[in-house]
C-alpha atoms as a PDB file:
ATOM      1  CA  MET A   1      57.550 -15.971 -47.770  1.00  0.00           C
ATOM      2  CA  ARG A   2      56.786 -19.628 -48.178  1.00  0.00           C
ATOM      3  CA  LEU A   3      56.300 -21.384 -51.456  1.00  0.00           C
ATOM      4  CA  ALA A   4      52.983 -22.846 -50.668  1.00  0.00           C
ATOM      5  CA  GLU A   5      51.595 -19.240 -49.479  1.00  0.00           C
ATOM      6  CA  SER A   6      52.585 -17.354 -52.489  1.00  0.00           C
ATOM      7  CA  ARG A   7      51.517 -19.423 -55.363  1.00  0.00           C
ATOM      8  CA  LYS A   8      54.787 -19.492 -56.872  1.00  0.00           C
ATOM      9  CA  LYS A   9      55.019 -20.043 -60.763  1.00  0.00           C
ATOM     10  CA  ILE A  10      57.072 -23.184 -61.797  1.00  0.00           C
ATOM     11  CA  VAL A  11      58.236 -23.694 -65.369  1.00  0.00           C
ATOM     12  CA  CYS A  12      59.078 -26.880 -66.817  1.00  0.00           C
ATOM     13  CA  LEU A  13      61.388 -27.500 -69.702  1.00  0.00           C
ATOM     14  CA  GLY A  14      61.795 -30.788 -71.863  1.00  0.00           C
ATOM     15  CA  GLY A  15      60.068 -33.491 -73.598  1.00  0.00           C
ATOM     16  CA  GLY A  16      56.720 -35.257 -73.209  1.00  0.00           C
ATOM     17  CA  THR A  17      57.147 -37.893 -70.589  1.00  0.00           C
ATOM     18  CA  GLY A  18      59.619 -36.305 -68.630  1.00  0.00           C
ATOM     19  CA  VAL A  19      57.770 -32.963 -68.295  1.00  0.00           C
ATOM     20  CA  SER A  20      54.678 -35.133 -67.621  1.00  0.00           C
ATOM     21  CA  VAL A  21      56.378 -36.719 -64.781  1.00  0.00           C
ATOM     22  CA  VAL A  22      57.323 -33.615 -62.964  1.00  0.00           C
ATOM     23  CA  LEU A  23      53.845 -31.861 -63.578  1.00  0.00           C
ATOM     24  CA  SER A  24      51.919 -34.793 -62.115  1.00  0.00           C
ATOM     25  CA  GLY A  25      53.943 -34.724 -58.957  1.00  0.00           C
ATOM     26  CA  PHE A  26      52.922 -30.856 -58.557  1.00  0.00           C
ATOM     27  CA  LYS A  27      49.489 -30.991 -59.412  1.00  0.00           C
ATOM     28  CA  LYS A  28      48.205 -30.921 -55.897  1.00  0.00           C
ATOM     29  CA  TYR A  29      50.403 -28.250 -54.822  1.00  0.00           C
ATOM     30  CA  PRO A  30      48.870 -24.481 -54.947  1.00  0.00           C
ATOM     31  CA  ILE A  31      51.320 -23.124 -57.587  1.00  0.00           C
ATOM     32  CA  GLU A  32      51.238 -22.084 -60.984  1.00  0.00           C
ATOM     33  CA  LEU A  33      52.285 -24.686 -63.570  1.00  0.00           C
ATOM     34  CA  THR A  34      53.731 -24.013 -66.997  1.00  0.00           C
ATOM     35  CA  ALA A  35      55.391 -26.682 -69.345  1.00  0.00           C
ATOM     36  CA  ILE A  36      57.809 -25.453 -72.121  1.00  0.00           C
ATOM     37  CA  VAL A  37      57.877 -28.344 -74.575  1.00  0.00           C
ATOM     38  CA  THR A  38      60.382 -29.524 -77.066  1.00  0.00           C
ATOM     39  CA  MET A  39      58.949 -29.216 -80.963  1.00  0.00           C
ATOM     40  CA  PHE A  40      61.514 -31.309 -82.894  1.00  0.00           C
ATOM     41  CA  ASP A  41      60.101 -34.835 -82.955  1.00  0.00           C
ATOM     42  CA  SER A  42      60.421 -36.610 -86.326  1.00  0.00           C
ATOM     43  CA  GLY A  43      59.285 -40.077 -85.716  1.00  0.00           C
ATOM     44  CA  GLY A  44      55.931 -41.817 -84.830  1.00  0.00           C
ATOM     45  CA  SER A  45      52.589 -40.345 -85.326  1.00  0.00           C
ATOM     46  CA  SER A  46      53.851 -36.916 -84.591  1.00  0.00           C
ATOM     47  CA  GLY A  47      56.438 -37.078 -87.353  1.00  0.00           C
ATOM     48  CA  LYS A  48      53.951 -38.641 -90.057  1.00  0.00           C
ATOM     49  CA  LEU A  49      51.299 -35.384 -89.004  1.00  0.00           C
ATOM     50  CA  ARG A  50      54.551 -33.151 -89.394  1.00  0.00           C
ATOM     51  CA  LYS A  51      55.406 -34.599 -92.912  1.00  0.00           C
ATOM     52  CA  GLU A  52      51.853 -34.692 -94.182  1.00  0.00           C
ATOM     53  CA  LEU A  53      50.380 -31.861 -92.952  1.00  0.00           C
ATOM     54  CA  GLY A  54      53.305 -29.478 -92.461  1.00  0.00           C
ATOM     55  CA  ILE A  55      52.380 -29.113 -88.778  1.00  0.00           C
ATOM     56  CA  LEU A  56      54.585 -29.103 -85.584  1.00  0.00           C
ATOM     57  CA  PRO A  57      54.970 -32.417 -83.968  1.00  0.00           C
ATOM     58  CA  LEU A  58      52.021 -32.836 -81.505  1.00  0.00           C
ATOM     59  CA  GLY A  59      52.803 -35.851 -79.132  1.00  0.00           C
ATOM     60  CA  ASP A  60      54.756 -34.142 -76.136  1.00  0.00           C
ATOM     61  CA  ILE A  61      52.169 -31.430 -76.037  1.00  0.00           C
ATOM     62  CA  ARG A  62      49.413 -33.957 -75.897  1.00  0.00           C
ATOM     63  CA  GLN A  63      51.237 -35.702 -73.218  1.00  0.00           C
ATOM     64  CA  CYS A  64      51.548 -32.431 -70.976  1.00  0.00           C
ATOM     65  CA  LEU A  65      47.719 -31.754 -71.514  1.00  0.00           C
ATOM     66  CA  THR A  66      46.673 -35.200 -70.545  1.00  0.00           C
ATOM     67  CA  THR A  67      48.727 -34.981 -67.525  1.00  0.00           C
ATOM     68  CA  LEU A  68      47.157 -31.868 -66.332  1.00  0.00           C
ATOM     69  CA  SER A  69      43.552 -32.736 -67.412  1.00  0.00           C
ATOM     70  CA  GLY A  70      40.759 -32.475 -64.990  1.00  0.00           C
ATOM     71  CA  LYS A  71      38.846 -35.024 -67.081  1.00  0.00           C
ATOM     72  CA  ARG A  72      40.423 -38.310 -66.227  1.00  0.00           C
ATOM     73  CA  GLU A  73      38.041 -40.244 -68.213  1.00  0.00           C
ATOM     74  CA  LEU A  74      39.019 -38.726 -71.359  1.00  0.00           C
ATOM     75  CA  ILE A  75      42.719 -39.701 -71.065  1.00  0.00           C
ATOM     76  CA  PRO A  76      42.990 -43.285 -72.425  1.00  0.00           C
ATOM     77  CA  ILE A  77      40.853 -41.937 -75.423  1.00  0.00           C
ATOM     78  CA  LEU A  78      43.259 -39.512 -76.350  1.00  0.00           C
ATOM     79  CA  HIS A  79      46.265 -41.899 -75.951  1.00  0.00           C
ATOM     80  CA  TYR A  80      44.598 -44.612 -78.250  1.00  0.00           C
ATOM     81  CA  ARG A  81      46.636 -45.706 -81.153  1.00  0.00           C
ATOM     82  CA  PHE A  82      45.171 -47.215 -84.247  1.00  0.00           C
ATOM     83  CA  ALA A  83      46.671 -50.629 -85.155  1.00  0.00           C
ATOM     84  CA  LYS A  84      45.434 -50.876 -88.788  1.00  0.00           C
ATOM     85  CA  GLY A  85      44.096 -49.320 -91.840  1.00  0.00           C
ATOM     86  CA  GLY A  86      45.116 -45.756 -93.164  1.00  0.00           C
ATOM     87  CA  LEU A  87      45.278 -44.462 -89.535  1.00  0.00           C
ATOM     88  CA  ARG A  88      47.751 -47.239 -88.388  1.00  0.00           C
ATOM     89  CA  GLY A  89      50.245 -45.987 -85.931  1.00  0.00           C
ATOM     90  CA  HIS A  90      48.399 -42.688 -85.475  1.00  0.00           C
ATOM     91  CA  ASN A  91      47.493 -41.556 -81.804  1.00  0.00           C
ATOM     92  CA  LEU A  92      43.787 -40.281 -81.495  1.00  0.00           C
ATOM     93  CA  GLY A  93      44.834 -37.082 -79.477  1.00  0.00           C
ATOM     94  CA  ASN A  94      47.299 -36.197 -82.212  1.00  0.00           C
ATOM     95  CA  LEU A  95      44.533 -36.476 -84.794  1.00  0.00           C
ATOM     96  CA  LEU A  96      42.341 -34.234 -82.671  1.00  0.00           C
ATOM     97  CA  MET A  97      44.996 -31.580 -82.215  1.00  0.00           C
ATOM     98  CA  ALA A  98      45.716 -31.749 -85.880  1.00  0.00           C
ATOM     99  CA  ALA A  99      41.981 -30.892 -86.490  1.00  0.00           C
ATOM    100  CA  LEU A 100      41.695 -28.197 -84.190  1.00  0.00           C
ATOM    101  CA  ILE A 101      44.757 -26.587 -85.664  1.00  0.00           C
ATOM    102  CA  GLU A 102      42.837 -26.184 -88.933  1.00  0.00           C
ATOM    103  CA  ILE A 103      39.488 -25.199 -87.117  1.00  0.00           C
ATOM    104  CA  GLU A 104      41.164 -22.536 -84.916  1.00  0.00           C
ATOM    105  CA  GLY A 105      43.699 -21.368 -87.245  1.00  0.00           C
ATOM    106  CA  GLY A 106      46.880 -22.414 -85.661  1.00  0.00           C
ATOM    107  CA  LEU A 107      48.610 -24.294 -82.865  1.00  0.00           C
ATOM    108  CA  GLU A 108      48.197 -21.525 -80.202  1.00  0.00           C
ATOM    109  CA  GLY A 109      44.334 -21.543 -80.933  1.00  0.00           C
ATOM    110  CA  ALA A 110      44.152 -25.451 -80.816  1.00  0.00           C
ATOM    111  CA  ILE A 111      46.013 -25.588 -77.667  1.00  0.00           C
ATOM    112  CA  ASP A 112      43.627 -22.950 -75.928  1.00  0.00           C
ATOM    113  CA  LYS A 113      40.640 -24.792 -77.207  1.00  0.00           C
ATOM    114  CA  ILE A 114      41.614 -28.382 -75.927  1.00  0.00           C
ATOM    115  CA  THR A 115      42.796 -26.881 -72.745  1.00  0.00           C
ATOM    116  CA  LYS A 116      39.189 -25.801 -71.963  1.00  0.00           C
ATOM    117  CA  ILE A 117      37.762 -28.998 -73.167  1.00  0.00           C
ATOM    118  CA  LEU A 118      40.122 -31.116 -71.009  1.00  0.00           C
ATOM    119  CA  ASN A 119      39.753 -28.691 -68.016  1.00  0.00           C
ATOM    120  CA  VAL A 120      43.739 -28.397 -67.939  1.00  0.00           C
ATOM    121  CA  LYS A 121      45.143 -26.892 -64.822  1.00  0.00           C
ATOM    122  CA  GLY A 122      48.284 -25.356 -66.019  1.00  0.00           C
ATOM    123  CA  LYS A 123      49.694 -23.731 -69.267  1.00  0.00           C
ATOM    124  CA  ILE A 124      51.166 -25.675 -72.073  1.00  0.00           C
ATOM    125  CA  ILE A 125      53.584 -23.697 -74.239  1.00  0.00           C
ATOM    126  CA  PRO A 126      55.672 -24.641 -77.565  1.00  0.00           C
ATOM    127  CA  VAL A 127      59.413 -23.653 -77.306  1.00  0.00           C
ATOM    128  CA  THR A 128      59.045 -22.404 -80.795  1.00  0.00           C
ATOM    129  CA  ALA A 129      56.317 -21.826 -83.336  1.00  0.00           C
ATOM    130  CA  GLU A 130      58.904 -22.645 -86.206  1.00  0.00           C
ATOM    131  CA  SER A 131      59.912 -26.050 -87.633  1.00  0.00           C
ATOM    132  CA  ALA A 132      63.410 -27.434 -87.376  1.00  0.00           C
ATOM    133  CA  ASP A 133      65.374 -30.686 -87.323  1.00  0.00           C
ATOM    134  CA  ILE A 134      67.943 -31.558 -84.609  1.00  0.00           C
ATOM    135  CA  VAL A 135      71.253 -32.095 -85.997  1.00  0.00           C
ATOM    136  CA  ALA A 136      73.892 -33.961 -84.096  1.00  0.00           C
ATOM    137  CA  THR A 137      77.615 -33.427 -85.260  1.00  0.00           C
ATOM    138  CA  LEU A 138      79.785 -36.169 -84.261  1.00  0.00           C
ATOM    139  CA  LYS A 139      83.458 -36.183 -83.427  1.00  0.00           C
ATOM    140  CA  ASN A 140      84.312 -37.771 -86.927  1.00  0.00           C
ATOM    141  CA  ASN A 141      82.425 -34.839 -88.359  1.00  0.00           C
ATOM    142  CA  GLN A 142      79.491 -37.152 -89.611  1.00  0.00           C
ATOM    143  CA  LYS A 143      76.210 -35.556 -89.144  1.00  0.00           C
ATOM    144  CA  VAL A 144      72.967 -37.272 -87.881  1.00  0.00           C
ATOM    145  CA  LYS A 145      69.930 -35.403 -88.845  1.00  0.00           C
ATOM    146  CA  GLY A 146      66.393 -35.877 -87.245  1.00  0.00           C
ATOM    147  CA  GLU A 147      65.013 -36.679 -83.687  1.00  0.00           C
ATOM    148  CA  GLU A 148      64.385 -40.314 -84.583  1.00  0.00           C
ATOM    149  CA  LYS A 149      67.819 -40.903 -86.342  1.00  0.00           C
ATOM    150  CA  ILE A 150      69.668 -39.484 -83.358  1.00  0.00           C
ATOM    151  CA  ILE A 151      67.610 -41.725 -80.775  1.00  0.00           C
ATOM    152  CA  ASN A 152      68.094 -44.534 -83.066  1.00  0.00           C
ATOM    153  CA  CYS A 153      71.964 -43.828 -83.442  1.00  0.00           C
ATOM    154  CA  ARG A 154      73.835 -46.926 -81.924  1.00  0.00           C
ATOM    155  CA  TYR A 155      77.421 -45.195 -81.993  1.00  0.00           C
ATOM    156  CA  LEU A 156      76.900 -41.589 -80.994  1.00  0.00           C
ATOM    157  CA  SER A 157      78.298 -42.445 -77.580  1.00  0.00           C
ATOM    158  CA  LYS A 158      81.333 -44.247 -79.002  1.00  0.00           C
ATOM    159  CA  VAL A 159      82.347 -41.715 -81.474  1.00  0.00           C
ATOM    160  CA  GLY A 160      81.197 -38.592 -79.206  1.00  0.00           C
ATOM    161  CA  LEU A 161      79.243 -35.614 -79.769  1.00  0.00           C
ATOM    162  CA  LYS A 162      80.998 -32.558 -81.115  1.00  0.00           C
ATOM    163  CA  LYS A 163      77.947 -30.024 -81.464  1.00  0.00           C
ATOM    164  CA  LEU A 164      74.237 -30.232 -81.289  1.00  0.00           C
ATOM    165  CA  SER A 165      72.351 -27.780 -83.429  1.00  0.00           C
ATOM    166  CA  LEU A 166      69.022 -26.980 -84.931  1.00  0.00           C
ATOM    167  CA  GLU A 167      68.497 -26.679 -88.842  1.00  0.00           C
ATOM    168  CA  PRO A 168      67.226 -24.158 -89.601  1.00  0.00           C
ATOM    169  CA  LYS A 169      67.785 -21.928 -86.649  1.00  0.00           C
ATOM    170  CA  VAL A 170      64.614 -20.910 -85.104  1.00  0.00           C
ATOM    171  CA  LYS A 171      63.446 -18.128 -82.343  1.00  0.00           C
ATOM    172  CA  ALA A 172      61.616 -18.841 -79.214  1.00  0.00           C
ATOM    173  CA  ASN A 173      58.049 -18.521 -78.703  1.00  0.00           C
ATOM    174  CA  PRO A 174      57.567 -15.207 -77.042  1.00  0.00           C
ATOM    175  CA  GLU A 175      55.167 -16.964 -74.423  1.00  0.00           C
ATOM    176  CA  ALA A 176      57.978 -19.182 -73.590  1.00  0.00           C
ATOM    177  CA  ILE A 177      60.362 -16.077 -72.709  1.00  0.00           C
ATOM    178  CA  SER A 178      57.663 -14.420 -70.906  1.00  0.00           C
ATOM    179  CA  ALA A 179      57.171 -17.630 -68.734  1.00  0.00           C
ATOM    180  CA  ILE A 180      60.773 -17.988 -67.719  1.00  0.00           C
ATOM    181  CA  LYS A 181      61.211 -14.295 -67.063  1.00  0.00           C
ATOM    182  CA  LYS A 182      58.121 -14.581 -64.631  1.00  0.00           C
ATOM    183  CA  ALA A 183      59.222 -17.942 -63.206  1.00  0.00           C
ATOM    184  CA  ASP A 184      60.026 -18.479 -59.456  1.00  0.00           C
ATOM    185  CA  LEU A 185      61.271 -21.845 -60.283  1.00  0.00           C
ATOM    186  CA  ILE A 186      62.902 -23.349 -63.584  1.00  0.00           C
ATOM    187  CA  VAL A 187      62.898 -27.383 -63.718  1.00  0.00           C
ATOM    188  CA  PHE A 188      64.899 -29.183 -66.705  1.00  0.00           C
ATOM    189  CA  ALA A 189      62.854 -32.367 -66.628  1.00  0.00           C
ATOM    190  CA  PRO A 190      64.190 -35.838 -67.358  1.00  0.00           C
ATOM    191  CA  GLY A 191      63.969 -37.338 -70.657  1.00  0.00           C
ATOM    192  CA  LYS A 192      66.005 -38.039 -73.855  1.00  0.00           C
ATOM    193  CA  PHE A 193      69.014 -35.956 -73.299  1.00  0.00           C
ATOM    194  CA  TYR A 194      69.874 -34.962 -77.000  1.00  0.00           C
ATOM    195  CA  THR A 195      66.329 -34.936 -78.410  1.00  0.00           C
ATOM    196  CA  SER A 196      64.219 -33.729 -75.418  1.00  0.00           C
ATOM    197  CA  ILE A 197      66.397 -31.721 -73.047  1.00  0.00           C
ATOM    198  CA  LEU A 198      69.119 -29.739 -74.920  1.00  0.00           C
ATOM    199  CA  PRO A 199      66.886 -28.832 -78.081  1.00  0.00           C
ATOM    200  CA  ASN A 200      65.270 -26.360 -75.894  1.00  0.00           C
ATOM    201  CA  LEU A 201      68.437 -24.841 -75.173  1.00  0.00           C
ATOM    202  CA  LEU A 202      69.245 -24.292 -79.044  1.00  0.00           C
ATOM    203  CA  VAL A 203      66.273 -22.116 -79.577  1.00  0.00           C
ATOM    204  CA  GLY A 204      67.053 -18.504 -80.009  1.00  0.00           C
ATOM    205  CA  GLY A 205      66.501 -16.439 -76.511  1.00  0.00           C
ATOM    206  CA  ILE A 206      65.806 -19.490 -74.423  1.00  0.00           C
ATOM    207  CA  PRO A 207      69.285 -19.873 -72.976  1.00  0.00           C
ATOM    208  CA  GLU A 208      69.742 -15.997 -72.471  1.00  0.00           C
ATOM    209  CA  ALA A 209      66.157 -16.400 -70.786  1.00  0.00           C
ATOM    210  CA  VAL A 210      67.040 -18.914 -68.255  1.00  0.00           C
ATOM    211  CA  ARG A 211      70.379 -17.171 -67.668  1.00  0.00           C
ATOM    212  CA  SER A 212      68.978 -13.934 -66.759  1.00  0.00           C
ATOM    213  CA  SER A 213      65.880 -15.399 -64.932  1.00  0.00           C
ATOM    214  CA  ARG A 214      65.832 -14.737 -61.290  1.00  0.00           C
ATOM    215  CA  ALA A 215      64.182 -18.018 -60.762  1.00  0.00           C
ATOM    216  CA  LYS A 216      66.075 -20.958 -59.024  1.00  0.00           C
ATOM    217  CA  LYS A 217      67.138 -23.691 -61.500  1.00  0.00           C
ATOM    218  CA  VAL A 218      67.033 -27.227 -60.887  1.00  0.00           C
ATOM    219  CA  PHE A 219      68.051 -30.204 -63.437  1.00  0.00           C
ATOM    220  CA  VAL A 220      66.679 -33.633 -62.679  1.00  0.00           C
ATOM    221  CA  CYS A 221      68.907 -36.290 -64.304  1.00  0.00           C
ATOM    222  CA  ASN A 222      67.789 -39.370 -66.032  1.00  0.00           C
ATOM    223  CA  LEU A 223      67.618 -42.633 -64.049  1.00  0.00           C
ATOM    224  CA  MET A 224      69.090 -44.695 -66.703  1.00  0.00           C
ATOM    225  CA  THR A 225      71.498 -44.320 -69.549  1.00  0.00           C
ATOM    226  CA  GLN A 226      70.066 -44.282 -73.155  1.00  0.00           C
ATOM    227  CA  ILE A 227      71.408 -46.963 -75.398  1.00  0.00           C
ATOM    228  CA  GLY A 228      73.617 -45.544 -78.193  1.00  0.00           C
ATOM    229  CA  ASN A 229      73.335 -41.796 -76.911  1.00  0.00           C
ATOM    230  CA  THR A 230      74.622 -41.563 -73.219  1.00  0.00           C
ATOM    231  CA  ASP A 231      76.285 -45.001 -72.664  1.00  0.00           C
ATOM    232  CA  ASN A 232      78.303 -44.981 -69.630  1.00  0.00           C
ATOM    233  CA  PHE A 233      77.380 -41.608 -68.702  1.00  0.00           C
ATOM    234  CA  LYS A 234      77.659 -40.497 -65.153  1.00  0.00           C
ATOM    235  CA  VAL A 235      75.540 -37.647 -63.423  1.00  0.00           C
ATOM    236  CA  GLU A 236      78.685 -35.331 -63.806  1.00  0.00           C
ATOM    237  CA  ASN A 237      78.662 -36.058 -67.438  1.00  0.00           C
ATOM    238  CA  PHE A 238      75.031 -34.761 -68.054  1.00  0.00           C
ATOM    239  CA  VAL A 239      75.820 -31.734 -66.019  1.00  0.00           C
ATOM    240  CA  LYS A 240      78.964 -30.953 -67.684  1.00  0.00           C
ATOM    241  CA  ILE A 241      77.328 -31.085 -71.178  1.00  0.00           C
ATOM    242  CA  LEU A 242      74.120 -29.166 -70.001  1.00  0.00           C
ATOM    243  CA  GLN A 243      76.686 -26.460 -68.798  1.00  0.00           C
ATOM    244  CA  GLU A 244      78.048 -26.302 -72.548  1.00  0.00           C
ATOM    245  CA  TYR A 245      74.675 -24.939 -73.784  1.00  0.00           C
ATOM    246  CA  LEU A 246      73.350 -23.237 -70.871  1.00  0.00           C
ATOM    247  CA  GLY A 247      76.421 -21.815 -69.250  1.00  0.00           C
ATOM    248  CA  GLN A 248      78.598 -22.244 -65.959  1.00  0.00           C
ATOM    249  CA  ASN A 249      76.947 -21.692 -62.594  1.00  0.00           C
ATOM    250  CA  VAL A 250      73.422 -21.623 -63.877  1.00  0.00           C
ATOM    251  CA  ILE A 251      71.986 -24.634 -62.319  1.00  0.00           C
ATOM    252  CA  ASP A 252      71.359 -24.207 -58.640  1.00  0.00           C
ATOM    253  CA  TYR A 253      70.376 -27.773 -57.836  1.00  0.00           C
ATOM    254  CA  VAL A 254      70.884 -31.274 -59.457  1.00  0.00           C
ATOM    255  CA  ILE A 255      68.540 -33.932 -58.412  1.00  0.00           C
ATOM    256  CA  PHE A 256      69.647 -37.516 -59.016  1.00  0.00           C
ATOM    257  CA  ASN A 257      68.598 -41.054 -58.072  1.00  0.00           C
ATOM    258  CA  THR A 258      70.278 -43.412 -55.737  1.00  0.00           C
ATOM    259  CA  GLY A 259      67.836 -46.201 -55.634  1.00  0.00           C
ATOM    260  CA  LYS A 260      68.094 -49.826 -57.350  1.00  0.00           C
ATOM    261  CA  LEU A 261      65.480 -51.919 -58.679  1.00  0.00           C
ATOM    262  CA  PRO A 262      65.118 -55.463 -57.374  1.00  0.00           C
ATOM    263  CA  GLU A 263      67.020 -58.029 -59.280  1.00  0.00           C
ATOM    264  CA  LYS A 264      63.949 -59.615 -60.960  1.00  0.00           C
ATOM    265  CA  GLU A 265      62.741 -56.181 -62.397  1.00  0.00           C
ATOM    266  CA  LEU A 266      66.349 -55.163 -63.355  1.00  0.00           C
ATOM    267  CA  LYS A 267      66.312 -58.320 -65.610  1.00  0.00           C
ATOM    268  CA  GLU A 268      63.198 -57.496 -67.238  1.00  0.00           C
ATOM    269  CA  VAL A 269      64.129 -54.106 -68.129  1.00  0.00           C
ATOM    270  CA  LYS A 270      67.650 -55.306 -69.344  1.00  0.00           C
ATOM    271  CA  ARG A 271      66.000 -58.051 -71.394  1.00  0.00           C
ATOM    272  CA  VAL A 272      64.003 -55.070 -73.374  1.00  0.00           C
ATOM    273  CA  PHE A 273      66.951 -52.711 -73.220  1.00  0.00           C
ATOM    274  CA  PRO A 274      70.271 -54.657 -73.269  1.00  0.00           C
ATOM    275  CA  GLY A 275      73.026 -52.271 -72.244  1.00  0.00           C
ATOM    276  CA  ALA A 276      70.991 -50.014 -70.442  1.00  0.00           C
ATOM    277  CA  GLU A 277      72.255 -49.067 -66.938  1.00  0.00           C
ATOM    278  CA  PHE A 278      71.414 -47.054 -64.079  1.00  0.00           C
ATOM    279  CA  ILE A 279      73.043 -43.735 -64.095  1.00  0.00           C
ATOM    280  CA  LYS A 280      76.358 -43.879 -61.617  1.00  0.00           C
ATOM    281  CA  TYR A 281      77.457 -40.902 -59.663  1.00  0.00           C
ATOM    282  CA  ASP A 282      80.605 -39.986 -57.595  1.00  0.00           C
ATOM    283  CA  LYS A 283      79.659 -40.453 -53.960  1.00  0.00           C
ATOM    284  CA  ALA A 284      81.136 -37.239 -53.167  1.00  0.00           C
ATOM    285  CA  LEU A 285      78.084 -35.526 -54.783  1.00  0.00           C
ATOM    286  CA  LEU A 286      76.055 -36.656 -51.722  1.00  0.00           C
ATOM    287  CA  LYS A 287      78.143 -34.087 -49.817  1.00  0.00           C
ATOM    288  CA  LYS A 288      77.589 -31.181 -51.944  1.00  0.00           C
ATOM    289  CA  LYS A 289      74.638 -28.553 -51.068  1.00  0.00           C
ATOM    290  CA  SER A 290      73.916 -28.046 -54.704  1.00  0.00           C
ATOM    291  CA  PHE A 291      73.456 -31.841 -55.697  1.00  0.00           C
ATOM    292  CA  VAL A 292      70.518 -33.937 -53.969  1.00  0.00           C
ATOM    293  CA  GLY A 293      70.608 -37.830 -54.118  1.00  0.00           C
ATOM    294  CA  GLY A 294      67.728 -40.024 -53.167  1.00  0.00           C
ATOM    295  CA  ASN A 295      65.641 -43.053 -54.268  1.00  0.00           C
ATOM    296  CA  LEU A 296      63.588 -41.447 -56.797  1.00  0.00           C
ATOM    297  CA  LEU A 297      62.099 -44.833 -58.274  1.00  0.00           C
ATOM    298  CA  ASN A 298      58.350 -45.200 -58.207  1.00  0.00           C
ATOM    299  CA  GLY A 299      58.778 -48.800 -57.791  1.00  0.00           C
ATOM    300  CA  ILE A 300      56.704 -49.836 -60.842  1.00  0.00           C
ATOM    301  CA  ILE A 301      58.091 -51.244 -64.029  1.00  0.00           C
ATOM    302  CA  LYS A 302      56.298 -49.703 -66.984  1.00  0.00           C
ATOM    303  CA  LYS A 303      55.757 -52.711 -69.749  1.00  0.00           C
ATOM    304  CA  PRO A 304      56.430 -51.891 -73.144  1.00  0.00           C
ATOM    305  CA  ASN A 305      53.510 -51.164 -75.291  1.00  0.00           C
ATOM    306  CA  PRO A 306      53.069 -53.169 -78.399  1.00  0.00           C
ATOM    307  CA  ALA A 307      51.462 -50.410 -79.999  1.00  0.00           C
ATOM    308  CA  ASP A 308      54.647 -48.321 -80.115  1.00  0.00           C
ATOM    309  CA  ALA A 309      56.205 -50.813 -82.399  1.00  0.00           C
ATOM    310  CA  LEU A 310      53.623 -49.518 -85.007  1.00  0.00           C
ATOM    311  CA  VAL A 311      55.663 -46.314 -85.414  1.00  0.00           C
ATOM    312  CA  LYS A 312      58.999 -46.718 -84.097  1.00  0.00           C
ATOM    313  CA  LYS A 313      61.888 -48.686 -85.480  1.00  0.00           C
ATOM    314  CA  VAL A 314      63.298 -49.311 -82.141  1.00  0.00           C
ATOM    315  CA  ASN A 315      61.180 -49.225 -78.995  1.00  0.00           C
ATOM    316  CA  GLN A 316      62.593 -46.479 -76.838  1.00  0.00           C
ATOM    317  CA  ARG A 317      60.021 -45.879 -74.340  1.00  0.00           C
ATOM    318  CA  THR A 318      61.344 -46.100 -70.774  1.00  0.00           C
ATOM    319  CA  MET A 319      60.152 -48.803 -68.592  1.00  0.00           C
ATOM    320  CA  VAL A 320      61.542 -47.092 -65.423  1.00  0.00           C
ATOM    321  CA  LEU A 321      60.146 -43.484 -64.260  1.00  0.00           C
ATOM    322  CA  HIS A 322      60.684 -41.321 -61.551  1.00  0.00           C
ATOM    323  CA  ASP A 323      58.240 -41.104 -58.906  1.00  0.00           C
ATOM    324  CA  PRO A 324      56.245 -38.084 -59.350  1.00  0.00           C
ATOM    325  CA  LYS A 325      55.565 -37.235 -55.605  1.00  0.00           C
ATOM    326  CA  LYS A 326      59.128 -37.828 -54.400  1.00  0.00           C
ATOM    327  CA  LEU A 327      60.324 -35.295 -57.019  1.00  0.00           C
ATOM    328  CA  ALA A 328      57.806 -32.847 -56.274  1.00  0.00           C
ATOM    329  CA  LYS A 329      58.493 -33.073 -52.514  1.00  0.00           C
ATOM    330  CA  ILE A 330      62.267 -32.780 -52.874  1.00  0.00           C
ATOM    331  CA  ILE A 331      62.036 -29.520 -55.457  1.00  0.00           C
ATOM    332  CA  PHE A 332      59.416 -28.242 -53.164  1.00  0.00           C
ATOM    333  CA  ASN A 333      61.427 -28.254 -49.958  1.00  0.00           C
ATOM    334  CA  LEU A 334      64.595 -27.207 -51.880  1.00  0.00           C
ATOM    335  CA  CYS A 335      62.854 -23.924 -53.036  1.00  0.00           C
ATOM    336  CA  ARG A 336      60.271 -23.059 -50.483  1.00  0.00           C
ATOM    337  CA  GLN A 337      62.750 -20.944 -48.592  1.00  0.00           C
ATOM    338  CA  TYR A 338      63.007 -18.407 -51.786  1.00  0.00           C
END
């Protein structure tokens, strides 16, 4: 039975931007979409609200909600960031979510409420309902604690990562486990490798659920290296480390980019992100059935948003994104036979 005829269930795991890109490509397909979102941000507006109100970080959930919203006119409002005063650096959508948590008595009720307000076509599930921080233990035994500090660690790649963990240990949201068990296709979305992708596999119950799921599993590799975190990484490096946390022979397909930017656009990206490179790959991968390479670039350079500097010490928002339609088409064609 073909995927398009049976309304297959697709589950995407990761952080806000990467998951949003994957979700947006699938919006017009007759499928059931679910996003399982990492909940360990410590910086930005989400981090501030987490510290001040004792709530889980909301930014990644907001991005997924707006991506799947049927009310496009509300999206710019929800992404608006205050530039001055007591609300300086805060995102309006995050504040709305924080208010709904109090009104509805919790994050689950808040998500249900805003899902209805925004006419969201799909389901957004926090990977856990418990609070924790990401801890990167380097090979010199130094510990870097917190999502923001790990992102801004400029020597992680040089020293090397020994282990990634959560403090304290947390259990998976039962809804996330249920979605994974019911999935026909599980997609590991692109994103910050150590703070958006791998942390979901540190949550108790998630890797076990993925391994035991009958779903086909797809890993979408990043386009460019992340300065300080994944310098000099090849596609093979990402897969090897992912397998360390998920297990061998779990991923069915790895999708990676072979496209390049025109020289002018590449210079602009390197001006903002000196040292960042397109992720390289062994050409032998192109002959392997489980590795699918192609030009996945959307052809648009996303200019840095000055508002991001209000809440981030280092601007780490990517300027180069996957083309959602290209990704969706590849994934759809790979898995429609199942």
